[in-house]
Amino acid sequence: MTTPLVLASASPARLATLRTAGIEPLVIVSGVDESRLDGLPPAELALQLAELKCAAVADRDDVPPQGLVLGCDSVLELDGQALGKPHEPDEARTRWRAMRGRSAVLHSGHCLRDVASGRVAAATGSTTVHFADVTDEEVDAYVATGEPLHVAGAFTIDGFGGAFVSGIEGDHHNVVGVSLPLLRELVIELGHAWPDLWS
């Protein structure tokens, strides 16, 4: 019998990653205000936001009683600072001028709750990202696509931004927003089998 997975995230990249892995999640957006947590170290911030998103959705009436609820949040750490979504073009340009030719760490917090038992398993995946030394013209063109405005760290590896990432160390799914190997470990920790999530 398939165990239903509820994705407490509006991220199309997370949804696509899970679908490619054979999982068809029910998407219920958490509506958590990501700006309400401030001053935390980047990895901790990613995990606490994931936990908030998971908790906000897990208590809703439209969640399957035998389901697993997954909350995720990603933050890019550069020079010890946590960088979320830039939202504004000028902020995205400023970030790219700081990141180009350098490396940063993308932290993705994962929080999984078993609705029936109430048990929770949570962990953060961290992947080092190496950025190409892109030109001002490339930065302007990339920002003009709109893609970097609504993603953590102002970049993707599965879209326009892929050409500007020269390499990664760690799980590439984690950079997209959900680490499949890490999620599998959390599923097992809660007493479920990974293939039971396949649709």
N, C-alpha and C. Protein backbone atom coordinates (compact mmCIF):
# COMPACT_ATOMS: atom_id res chain seq x y z
N MET A 1 0.82 -1.19 0.00
CA MET A 1 0.00 0.00 0.00
C MET A 1 0.87 1.26 0.00
N THR A 2 0.52 2.22 -0.84
CA THR A 2 1.32 3.44 -0.95
C THR A 2 1.10 4.33 0.27
N THR A 3 2.19 4.83 0.83
CA THR A 3 2.12 5.79 1.93
C THR A 3 2.05 7.18 1.31
N PRO A 4 0.99 7.97 1.57
CA PRO A 4 0.89 9.29 0.96
C PRO A 4 1.93 10.25 1.54
N LEU A 5 2.55 11.02 0.64
CA LEU A 5 3.49 12.06 1.07
C LEU A 5 2.86 13.42 0.79
N VAL A 6 2.85 14.27 1.80
CA VAL A 6 2.34 15.63 1.65
C VAL A 6 3.54 16.58 1.62
N LEU A 7 3.66 17.37 0.57
CA LEU A 7 4.75 18.32 0.44
C LEU A 7 4.26 19.69 0.90
N ALA A 8 4.82 20.17 2.01
CA ALA A 8 4.40 21.46 2.58
C ALA A 8 5.27 22.57 1.99
N SER A 9 5.24 22.69 0.66
CA SER A 9 6.10 23.65 -0.03
C SER A 9 5.50 24.01 -1.37
N ALA A 10 5.67 25.26 -1.76
CA ALA A 10 5.19 25.72 -3.07
C ALA A 10 6.24 25.54 -4.17
N SER A 11 7.40 24.99 -3.81
CA SER A 11 8.52 24.91 -4.76
C SER A 11 8.26 23.94 -5.91
N PRO A 12 8.22 24.46 -7.15
CA PRO A 12 8.05 23.56 -8.29
C PRO A 12 9.25 22.63 -8.48
N ALA A 13 10.44 23.07 -8.06
CA ALA A 13 11.64 22.23 -8.19
C ALA A 13 11.58 21.03 -7.24
N ARG A 14 11.10 21.26 -6.01
CA ARG A 14 10.96 20.13 -5.08
C ARG A 14 9.93 19.13 -5.60
N LEU A 15 8.82 19.66 -6.10
CA LEU A 15 7.77 18.79 -6.63
C LEU A 15 8.30 17.95 -7.80
N ALA A 16 9.02 18.60 -8.71
CA ALA A 16 9.57 17.89 -9.88
C ALA A 16 10.58 16.82 -9.46
N THR A 17 11.40 17.13 -8.44
CA THR A 17 12.40 16.16 -7.95
C THR A 17 11.70 14.91 -7.39
N LEU A 18 10.66 15.12 -6.59
CA LEU A 18 9.94 13.98 -6.01
C LEU A 18 9.24 13.17 -7.09
N ARG A 19 8.62 13.86 -8.06
CA ARG A 19 7.95 13.14 -9.14
C ARG A 19 8.92 12.30 -9.95
N THR A 20 10.11 12.84 -10.22
CA THR A 20 11.13 12.10 -10.97
C THR A 20 11.56 10.85 -10.22
N ALA A 21 11.47 10.91 -8.88
CA ALA A 21 11.86 9.78 -8.03
C ALA A 21 10.70 8.80 -7.81
N GLY A 22 9.58 9.01 -8.53
CA GLY A 22 8.47 8.06 -8.45
C GLY A 22 7.43 8.37 -7.39
N ILE A 23 7.51 9.57 -6.81
CA ILE A 23 6.58 9.95 -5.75
C ILE A 23 5.66 11.06 -6.27
N GLU A 24 4.36 10.88 -6.06
CA GLU A 24 3.38 11.91 -6.47
C GLU A 24 2.79 12.52 -5.20
N PRO A 25 3.44 13.59 -4.69
CA PRO A 25 2.97 14.13 -3.41
C PRO A 25 1.71 14.98 -3.56
N LEU A 26 0.99 15.07 -2.45
CA LEU A 26 -0.10 16.03 -2.34
C LEU A 26 0.55 17.33 -1.87
N VAL A 27 0.37 18.42 -2.62
CA VAL A 27 0.99 19.70 -2.25
C VAL A 27 0.02 20.54 -1.44
N ILE A 28 0.42 20.90 -0.23
CA ILE A 28 -0.34 21.82 0.62
C ILE A 28 0.65 22.89 1.10
N VAL A 29 0.52 24.09 0.58
CA VAL A 29 1.48 25.15 0.91
C VAL A 29 1.26 25.62 2.34
N SER A 30 2.36 25.77 3.07
CA SER A 30 2.29 26.06 4.50
C SER A 30 1.85 27.48 4.82
N GLY A 31 2.25 28.43 4.00
CA GLY A 31 1.94 29.83 4.29
C GLY A 31 2.74 30.40 5.44
N VAL A 32 3.84 29.74 5.81
CA VAL A 32 4.68 30.23 6.92
C VAL A 32 5.42 31.49 6.47
N ASP A 33 5.45 32.48 7.34
CA ASP A 33 6.19 33.72 7.09
C ASP A 33 7.67 33.45 7.36
N GLU A 34 8.46 33.34 6.28
CA GLU A 34 9.87 32.96 6.43
C GLU A 34 10.71 34.05 7.08
N SER A 35 10.18 35.27 7.16
CA SER A 35 10.97 36.36 7.73
C SER A 35 10.88 36.41 9.26
N ARG A 36 10.04 35.55 9.85
CA ARG A 36 9.83 35.66 11.30
C ARG A 36 10.97 35.06 12.12
N LEU A 37 11.83 34.27 11.48
CA LEU A 37 13.01 33.75 12.17
C LEU A 37 14.22 34.54 11.68
N ASP A 38 14.95 35.12 12.60
CA ASP A 38 16.09 35.92 12.20
C ASP A 38 17.22 35.72 13.20
N GLY A 39 18.43 35.92 12.74
CA GLY A 39 19.57 35.86 13.65
C GLY A 39 20.08 34.48 13.97
N LEU A 40 19.55 33.44 13.28
CA LEU A 40 20.03 32.08 13.52
C LEU A 40 21.16 31.74 12.55
N PRO A 41 22.06 30.82 12.92
CA PRO A 41 23.05 30.35 11.95
C PRO A 41 22.34 29.72 10.75
N PRO A 42 22.91 29.84 9.54
CA PRO A 42 22.21 29.41 8.32
C PRO A 42 21.64 27.99 8.35
N ALA A 43 22.43 26.99 8.80
CA ALA A 43 21.96 25.60 8.79
C ALA A 43 20.78 25.43 9.75
N GLU A 44 20.86 26.11 10.90
CA GLU A 44 19.79 26.03 11.90
C GLU A 44 18.53 26.73 11.40
N LEU A 45 18.73 27.86 10.70
CA LEU A 45 17.61 28.60 10.14
C LEU A 45 16.84 27.73 9.14
N ALA A 46 17.58 27.05 8.26
CA ALA A 46 16.94 26.19 7.25
C ALA A 46 16.12 25.10 7.93
N LEU A 47 16.67 24.49 9.00
CA LEU A 47 15.97 23.41 9.69
C LEU A 47 14.74 23.92 10.44
N GLN A 48 14.88 25.06 11.10
CA GLN A 48 13.73 25.58 11.87
C GLN A 48 12.59 26.01 10.94
N LEU A 49 12.92 26.58 9.79
CA LEU A 49 11.88 26.94 8.83
C LEU A 49 11.18 25.69 8.29
N ALA A 50 11.97 24.64 8.03
CA ALA A 50 11.39 23.37 7.57
C ALA A 50 10.43 22.81 8.63
N GLU A 51 10.84 22.89 9.90
CA GLU A 51 10.01 22.39 11.00
C GLU A 51 8.71 23.20 11.12
N LEU A 52 8.80 24.52 10.95
CA LEU A 52 7.61 25.37 11.00
C LEU A 52 6.64 25.03 9.88
N LYS A 53 7.18 24.85 8.67
CA LYS A 53 6.33 24.52 7.51
C LYS A 53 5.64 23.17 7.71
N CYS A 54 6.39 22.19 8.20
CA CYS A 54 5.84 20.87 8.44
C CYS A 54 4.72 20.94 9.48
N ALA A 55 4.97 21.62 10.58
CA ALA A 55 3.98 21.72 11.66
C ALA A 55 2.72 22.44 11.20
N ALA A 56 2.89 23.49 10.38
CA ALA A 56 1.74 24.28 9.92
C ALA A 56 0.78 23.44 9.08
N VAL A 57 1.33 22.49 8.33
CA VAL A 57 0.50 21.66 7.44
C VAL A 57 0.01 20.39 8.13
N ALA A 58 0.83 19.80 8.99
CA ALA A 58 0.51 18.50 9.60
C ALA A 58 -0.79 18.53 10.41
N ASP A 59 -1.14 19.67 10.97
CA ASP A 59 -2.33 19.77 11.83
C ASP A 59 -3.61 20.08 11.05
N ARG A 60 -3.52 20.18 9.74
CA ARG A 60 -4.71 20.52 8.96
C ARG A 60 -5.62 19.32 8.73
N ASP A 61 -6.90 19.58 8.52
CA ASP A 61 -7.89 18.52 8.35
C ASP A 61 -7.78 17.78 7.02
N ASP A 62 -7.20 18.44 6.00
CA ASP A 62 -7.15 17.82 4.68
C ASP A 62 -5.90 16.97 4.44
N VAL A 63 -5.14 16.69 5.51
CA VAL A 63 -3.95 15.84 5.42
C VAL A 63 -4.37 14.39 5.62
N PRO A 64 -3.93 13.48 4.73
CA PRO A 64 -4.29 12.06 4.89
C PRO A 64 -3.82 11.52 6.25
N PRO A 65 -4.69 10.80 6.98
CA PRO A 65 -4.35 10.34 8.33
C PRO A 65 -3.18 9.37 8.38
N GLN A 66 -2.92 8.67 7.27
CA GLN A 66 -1.78 7.73 7.24
C GLN A 66 -0.58 8.32 6.51
N GLY A 67 -0.60 9.63 6.30
CA GLY A 67 0.43 10.27 5.47
C GLY A 67 1.67 10.69 6.24
N LEU A 68 2.65 11.07 5.46
CA LEU A 68 3.87 11.69 5.96
C LEU A 68 3.90 13.12 5.42
N VAL A 69 4.17 14.09 6.29
CA VAL A 69 4.21 15.49 5.87
C VAL A 69 5.67 15.94 5.84
N LEU A 70 6.09 16.50 4.69
CA LEU A 70 7.47 16.95 4.51
C LEU A 70 7.52 18.47 4.40
N GLY A 71 8.25 19.08 5.33
CA GLY A 71 8.55 20.51 5.23
C GLY A 71 10.01 20.68 4.86
N CYS A 72 10.29 21.58 3.92
CA CYS A 72 11.67 21.83 3.49
C CYS A 72 11.92 23.32 3.41
N ASP A 73 13.15 23.72 3.66
CA ASP A 73 13.55 25.11 3.40
C ASP A 73 15.04 25.15 3.11
N SER A 74 15.40 26.01 2.17
CA SER A 74 16.81 26.11 1.75
C SER A 74 17.35 27.51 1.99
N VAL A 75 18.61 27.55 2.41
CA VAL A 75 19.31 28.81 2.68
C VAL A 75 20.73 28.66 2.16
N LEU A 76 21.23 29.70 1.50
CA LEU A 76 22.62 29.68 1.04
C LEU A 76 23.48 30.41 2.07
N GLU A 77 24.57 29.77 2.48
CA GLU A 77 25.49 30.40 3.43
C GLU A 77 26.72 30.92 2.68
N LEU A 78 26.92 32.24 2.76
CA LEU A 78 28.10 32.88 2.16
C LEU A 78 28.69 33.82 3.19
N ASP A 79 29.96 33.62 3.52
CA ASP A 79 30.62 34.44 4.54
C ASP A 79 29.85 34.43 5.87
N GLY A 80 29.27 33.27 6.20
CA GLY A 80 28.56 33.13 7.47
C GLY A 80 27.17 33.73 7.48
N GLN A 81 26.77 34.35 6.38
CA GLN A 81 25.44 34.97 6.29
C GLN A 81 24.46 34.02 5.62
N ALA A 82 23.20 34.05 6.09
CA ALA A 82 22.14 33.24 5.50
C ALA A 82 21.45 34.04 4.41
N LEU A 83 21.45 33.51 3.20
CA LEU A 83 20.82 34.19 2.06
C LEU A 83 19.63 33.38 1.59
N GLY A 84 18.45 33.96 1.72
CA GLY A 84 17.24 33.31 1.24
C GLY A 84 16.91 33.80 -0.17
N LYS A 85 15.65 34.07 -0.43
CA LYS A 85 15.22 34.56 -1.75
C LYS A 85 15.45 36.07 -1.82
N PRO A 86 16.07 36.55 -2.89
CA PRO A 86 16.35 37.99 -2.95
C PRO A 86 15.12 38.87 -3.23
N HIS A 87 14.14 38.33 -3.95
CA HIS A 87 12.89 39.03 -4.30
C HIS A 87 13.06 40.23 -5.24
N GLU A 88 14.10 41.06 -5.02
CA GLU A 88 14.30 42.27 -5.82
C GLU A 88 15.49 42.11 -6.77
N PRO A 89 15.37 42.62 -8.02
CA PRO A 89 16.47 42.51 -8.98
C PRO A 89 17.80 43.09 -8.47
N ASP A 90 17.75 44.25 -7.82
CA ASP A 90 19.00 44.86 -7.34
C ASP A 90 19.69 43.98 -6.31
N GLU A 91 18.89 43.34 -5.44
CA GLU A 91 19.45 42.44 -4.43
C GLU A 91 20.07 41.21 -5.09
N ALA A 92 19.40 40.68 -6.11
CA ALA A 92 19.93 39.51 -6.82
C ALA A 92 21.26 39.85 -7.51
N ARG A 93 21.34 41.04 -8.10
CA ARG A 93 22.60 41.47 -8.76
C ARG A 93 23.73 41.60 -7.74
N THR A 94 23.41 42.23 -6.62
CA THR A 94 24.42 42.41 -5.56
C THR A 94 24.95 41.06 -5.08
N ARG A 95 24.03 40.12 -4.89
CA ARG A 95 24.44 38.79 -4.42
C ARG A 95 25.35 38.10 -5.43
N TRP A 96 24.95 38.15 -6.70
CA TRP A 96 25.75 37.47 -7.72
C TRP A 96 27.14 38.07 -7.85
N ARG A 97 27.25 39.37 -7.65
CA ARG A 97 28.58 40.00 -7.72
C ARG A 97 29.44 39.55 -6.54
N ALA A 98 28.79 39.23 -5.42
CA ALA A 98 29.51 38.72 -4.24
C ALA A 98 29.86 37.24 -4.38
N MET A 99 28.99 36.48 -5.06
CA MET A 99 29.15 35.01 -5.13
C MET A 99 30.08 34.54 -6.25
N ARG A 100 30.12 35.29 -7.35
CA ARG A 100 30.82 34.79 -8.55
C ARG A 100 32.29 34.50 -8.28
N GLY A 101 32.73 33.38 -8.84
CA GLY A 101 34.12 32.95 -8.66
C GLY A 101 34.41 32.40 -7.28
N ARG A 102 33.38 32.21 -6.46
CA ARG A 102 33.57 31.75 -5.09
C ARG A 102 32.73 30.50 -4.82
N SER A 103 32.83 30.02 -3.59
CA SER A 103 32.05 28.86 -3.17
C SER A 103 31.18 29.24 -1.98
N ALA A 104 30.03 28.58 -1.88
CA ALA A 104 29.11 28.80 -0.76
C ALA A 104 28.50 27.46 -0.41
N VAL A 105 27.78 27.40 0.71
CA VAL A 105 27.16 26.15 1.14
C VAL A 105 25.64 26.32 1.13
N LEU A 106 24.98 25.41 0.42
CA LEU A 106 23.51 25.43 0.36
C LEU A 106 22.99 24.44 1.41
N HIS A 107 22.26 24.96 2.39
CA HIS A 107 21.68 24.12 3.45
C HIS A 107 20.19 23.93 3.15
N SER A 108 19.73 22.69 3.13
CA SER A 108 18.30 22.40 2.98
C SER A 108 17.83 21.64 4.22
N GLY A 109 16.94 22.29 4.97
CA GLY A 109 16.35 21.65 6.14
C GLY A 109 15.21 20.75 5.70
N HIS A 110 15.10 19.58 6.31
CA HIS A 110 14.05 18.61 6.01
C HIS A 110 13.39 18.21 7.32
N CYS A 111 12.07 18.30 7.39
CA CYS A 111 11.34 17.85 8.56
C CYS A 111 10.18 16.97 8.10
N LEU A 112 10.14 15.74 8.61
CA LEU A 112 9.14 14.76 8.19
C LEU A 112 8.32 14.34 9.41
N ARG A 113 7.00 14.44 9.30
CA ARG A 113 6.13 14.02 10.41
C ARG A 113 5.20 12.90 9.96
N ASP A 114 5.13 11.86 10.78
CA ASP A 114 4.18 10.77 10.58
C ASP A 114 2.88 11.21 11.23
N VAL A 115 1.85 11.48 10.41
CA VAL A 115 0.60 12.03 10.93
C VAL A 115 -0.05 11.10 11.95
N ALA A 116 -0.04 9.79 11.68
CA ALA A 116 -0.72 8.83 12.55
C ALA A 116 -0.08 8.76 13.94
N SER A 117 1.25 8.73 14.00
CA SER A 117 1.93 8.57 15.29
C SER A 117 2.35 9.90 15.90
N GLY A 118 2.45 10.94 15.07
CA GLY A 118 2.93 12.23 15.55
C GLY A 118 4.44 12.31 15.66
N ARG A 119 5.13 11.22 15.30
CA ARG A 119 6.60 11.21 15.39
C ARG A 119 7.20 12.09 14.30
N VAL A 120 8.34 12.70 14.63
CA VAL A 120 9.02 13.61 13.71
C VAL A 120 10.48 13.21 13.55
N ALA A 121 10.98 13.29 12.33
CA ALA A 121 12.40 13.11 12.05
C ALA A 121 12.85 14.32 11.23
N ALA A 122 13.99 14.89 11.60
CA ALA A 122 14.44 16.09 10.91
C ALA A 122 15.96 16.11 10.78
N ALA A 123 16.45 16.71 9.69
CA ALA A 123 17.89 16.82 9.46
C ALA A 123 18.12 17.88 8.39
N THR A 124 19.35 18.37 8.35
CA THR A 124 19.74 19.34 7.32
C THR A 124 20.79 18.72 6.41
N GLY A 125 20.58 18.87 5.11
CA GLY A 125 21.58 18.47 4.13
C GLY A 125 22.37 19.70 3.71
N SER A 126 23.69 19.56 3.57
CA SER A 126 24.53 20.70 3.18
C SER A 126 25.41 20.32 2.00
N THR A 127 25.39 21.16 0.98
CA THR A 127 26.13 20.91 -0.25
C THR A 127 26.94 22.14 -0.62
N THR A 128 28.22 21.95 -0.91
CA THR A 128 29.07 23.08 -1.32
C THR A 128 28.86 23.35 -2.81
N VAL A 129 28.65 24.62 -3.13
CA VAL A 129 28.39 25.03 -4.51
C VAL A 129 29.51 25.96 -4.96
N HIS A 130 30.10 25.66 -6.12
CA HIS A 130 31.16 26.50 -6.70
C HIS A 130 30.56 27.31 -7.85
N PHE A 131 30.68 28.62 -7.75
CA PHE A 131 30.10 29.49 -8.77
C PHE A 131 31.14 29.92 -9.80
N ALA A 132 30.73 29.96 -11.06
CA ALA A 132 31.60 30.42 -12.13
C ALA A 132 31.85 31.93 -11.97
N ASP A 133 32.94 32.40 -12.54
CA ASP A 133 33.26 33.83 -12.47
C ASP A 133 32.53 34.55 -13.60
N VAL A 134 31.23 34.74 -13.41
CA VAL A 134 30.38 35.29 -14.48
C VAL A 134 30.59 36.80 -14.62
N THR A 135 30.32 37.31 -15.81
CA THR A 135 30.49 38.74 -16.09
C THR A 135 29.28 39.53 -15.61
N ASP A 136 29.45 40.85 -15.54
CA ASP A 136 28.33 41.73 -15.19
C ASP A 136 27.18 41.55 -16.18
N GLU A 137 27.52 41.39 -17.47
CA GLU A 137 26.50 41.22 -18.50
C GLU A 137 25.71 39.93 -18.28
N GLU A 138 26.41 38.86 -17.89
CA GLU A 138 25.74 37.59 -17.62
C GLU A 138 24.83 37.71 -16.40
N VAL A 139 25.31 38.41 -15.37
CA VAL A 139 24.50 38.62 -14.16
C VAL A 139 23.23 39.37 -14.52
N ASP A 140 23.37 40.47 -15.29
CA ASP A 140 22.20 41.28 -15.68
C ASP A 140 21.21 40.45 -16.49
N ALA A 141 21.73 39.66 -17.42
CA ALA A 141 20.85 38.83 -18.27
C ALA A 141 20.14 37.78 -17.42
N TYR A 142 20.85 37.19 -16.46
CA TYR A 142 20.25 36.17 -15.61
C TYR A 142 19.15 36.77 -14.73
N VAL A 143 19.45 37.91 -14.12
CA VAL A 143 18.45 38.57 -13.27
C VAL A 143 17.22 38.94 -14.10
N ALA A 144 17.43 39.33 -15.35
CA ALA A 144 16.32 39.73 -16.23
C ALA A 144 15.37 38.56 -16.53
N THR A 145 15.84 37.32 -16.39
CA THR A 145 14.96 36.16 -16.61
C THR A 145 13.93 36.05 -15.48
N GLY A 146 14.23 36.64 -14.33
CA GLY A 146 13.35 36.55 -13.17
C GLY A 146 13.60 35.32 -12.31
N GLU A 147 14.34 34.35 -12.85
CA GLU A 147 14.54 33.09 -12.13
C GLU A 147 15.19 33.26 -10.74
N PRO A 148 16.25 34.06 -10.62
CA PRO A 148 16.93 34.10 -9.32
C PRO A 148 16.17 34.84 -8.21
N LEU A 149 15.10 35.52 -8.55
CA LEU A 149 14.41 36.35 -7.55
C LEU A 149 13.66 35.53 -6.51
N HIS A 150 13.23 34.34 -6.88
CA HIS A 150 12.31 33.58 -6.02
C HIS A 150 12.89 32.26 -5.54
N VAL A 151 14.24 32.15 -5.56
CA VAL A 151 14.88 30.91 -5.09
C VAL A 151 15.99 31.26 -4.09
N ALA A 152 16.19 30.37 -3.13
CA ALA A 152 17.21 30.58 -2.10
C ALA A 152 18.58 30.74 -2.75
N GLY A 153 19.31 31.77 -2.32
CA GLY A 153 20.65 31.98 -2.84
C GLY A 153 20.70 32.62 -4.21
N ALA A 154 19.55 32.92 -4.79
CA ALA A 154 19.46 33.61 -6.09
C ALA A 154 20.01 32.80 -7.26
N PHE A 155 19.91 31.45 -7.15
CA PHE A 155 20.37 30.62 -8.28
C PHE A 155 19.64 29.29 -8.28
N THR A 156 19.65 28.65 -9.45
CA THR A 156 19.21 27.26 -9.56
C THR A 156 20.29 26.49 -10.30
N ILE A 157 20.28 25.16 -10.14
CA ILE A 157 21.16 24.34 -10.98
C ILE A 157 20.34 23.59 -12.03
N ASP A 158 19.00 23.73 -11.94
CA ASP A 158 18.14 22.99 -12.87
C ASP A 158 17.38 23.95 -13.79
N GLY A 159 17.96 25.13 -14.03
CA GLY A 159 17.33 26.12 -14.90
C GLY A 159 18.38 26.97 -15.58
N PHE A 160 18.07 28.24 -15.81
CA PHE A 160 19.02 29.16 -16.45
C PHE A 160 20.35 29.21 -15.70
N GLY A 161 20.28 29.11 -14.37
CA GLY A 161 21.47 29.26 -13.55
C GLY A 161 22.44 28.10 -13.61
N GLY A 162 22.02 26.99 -14.20
CA GLY A 162 22.88 25.80 -14.23
C GLY A 162 24.25 26.04 -14.84
N ALA A 163 24.32 26.91 -15.86
CA ALA A 163 25.59 27.17 -16.54
C ALA A 163 26.54 27.99 -15.68
N PHE A 164 26.02 28.61 -14.63
CA PHE A 164 26.84 29.48 -13.78
C PHE A 164 27.33 28.77 -12.53
N VAL A 165 27.01 27.48 -12.40
CA VAL A 165 27.50 26.67 -11.29
C VAL A 165 28.57 25.73 -11.86
N SER A 166 29.81 25.95 -11.46
CA SER A 166 30.91 25.19 -12.07
C SER A 166 31.12 23.83 -11.43
N GLY A 167 30.54 23.63 -10.25
CA GLY A 167 30.65 22.32 -9.61
C GLY A 167 29.98 22.31 -8.25
N ILE A 168 29.70 21.11 -7.75
CA ILE A 168 29.15 20.98 -6.40
C ILE A 168 29.85 19.81 -5.70
N GLU A 169 29.85 19.88 -4.36
CA GLU A 169 30.35 18.77 -3.54
C GLU A 169 29.21 18.34 -2.64
N GLY A 170 28.68 17.14 -2.91
CA GLY A 170 27.55 16.65 -2.14
C GLY A 170 26.40 16.28 -3.05
N ASP A 171 25.22 16.18 -2.47
CA ASP A 171 24.03 15.73 -3.18
C ASP A 171 23.42 16.87 -4.00
N HIS A 172 23.34 16.69 -5.32
CA HIS A 172 22.81 17.77 -6.16
C HIS A 172 21.31 17.98 -5.94
N HIS A 173 20.58 16.92 -5.55
CA HIS A 173 19.16 17.08 -5.25
C HIS A 173 18.95 18.08 -4.11
N ASN A 174 19.90 18.08 -3.17
CA ASN A 174 19.82 18.99 -2.02
C ASN A 174 19.83 20.45 -2.48
N VAL A 175 20.60 20.73 -3.54
CA VAL A 175 20.68 22.09 -4.06
C VAL A 175 19.36 22.48 -4.73
N VAL A 176 18.69 21.50 -5.33
CA VAL A 176 17.38 21.75 -5.94
C VAL A 176 16.34 22.02 -4.85
N GLY A 177 16.57 21.46 -3.65
CA GLY A 177 15.68 21.78 -2.53
C GLY A 177 15.21 20.62 -1.69
N VAL A 178 15.40 19.39 -2.19
CA VAL A 178 15.05 18.22 -1.38
C VAL A 178 16.05 17.11 -1.66
N SER A 179 16.77 16.69 -0.61
CA SER A 179 17.77 15.63 -0.75
C SER A 179 17.07 14.27 -0.67
N LEU A 180 17.05 13.55 -1.78
CA LEU A 180 16.38 12.24 -1.79
C LEU A 180 17.06 11.24 -0.86
N PRO A 181 18.40 11.15 -0.84
CA PRO A 181 19.03 10.20 0.11
C PRO A 181 18.73 10.55 1.57
N LEU A 182 18.72 11.84 1.89
CA LEU A 182 18.42 12.25 3.26
C LEU A 182 16.95 11.98 3.59
N LEU A 183 16.06 12.27 2.66
CA LEU A 183 14.64 12.00 2.88
C LEU A 183 14.39 10.52 3.10
N ARG A 184 15.06 9.68 2.33
CA ARG A 184 14.92 8.23 2.51
C ARG A 184 15.30 7.82 3.93
N GLU A 185 16.39 8.40 4.46
CA GLU A 185 16.82 8.08 5.83
C GLU A 185 15.75 8.49 6.85
N LEU A 186 15.11 9.64 6.63
CA LEU A 186 14.07 10.10 7.55
C LEU A 186 12.84 9.20 7.48
N VAL A 187 12.50 8.78 6.27
CA VAL A 187 11.36 7.86 6.08
C VAL A 187 11.60 6.56 6.85
N ILE A 188 12.81 6.01 6.73
CA ILE A 188 13.16 4.77 7.41
C ILE A 188 13.16 4.97 8.93
N GLU A 189 13.66 6.14 9.36
CA GLU A 189 13.70 6.46 10.80
C GLU A 189 12.29 6.44 11.41
N LEU A 190 11.30 6.81 10.62
CA LEU A 190 9.92 6.82 11.11
C LEU A 190 9.21 5.48 10.90
N GLY A 191 9.97 4.46 10.47
CA GLY A 191 9.41 3.11 10.38
C GLY A 191 8.73 2.77 9.08
N HIS A 192 8.97 3.55 8.03
CA HIS A 192 8.37 3.29 6.72
C HIS A 192 9.43 2.82 5.74
N ALA A 193 9.00 2.24 4.64
CA ALA A 193 9.92 1.80 3.59
C ALA A 193 9.86 2.79 2.44
N TRP A 194 11.02 3.17 1.90
CA TRP A 194 11.08 4.14 0.81
C TRP A 194 10.22 3.74 -0.40
N PRO A 195 10.26 2.46 -0.84
CA PRO A 195 9.43 2.09 -2.00
C PRO A 195 7.92 2.26 -1.76
N ASP A 196 7.50 2.31 -0.47
CA ASP A 196 6.07 2.51 -0.18
C ASP A 196 5.59 3.91 -0.57
N LEU A 197 6.52 4.82 -0.81
CA LEU A 197 6.15 6.17 -1.23
C LEU A 197 5.96 6.26 -2.74
N TRP A 198 6.44 5.25 -3.47
CA TRP A 198 6.32 5.29 -4.93
C TRP A 198 4.85 5.18 -5.32
N SER A 199 4.45 6.02 -6.27
CA SER A 199 3.04 6.02 -6.66
C SER A 199 2.79 5.06 -7.82
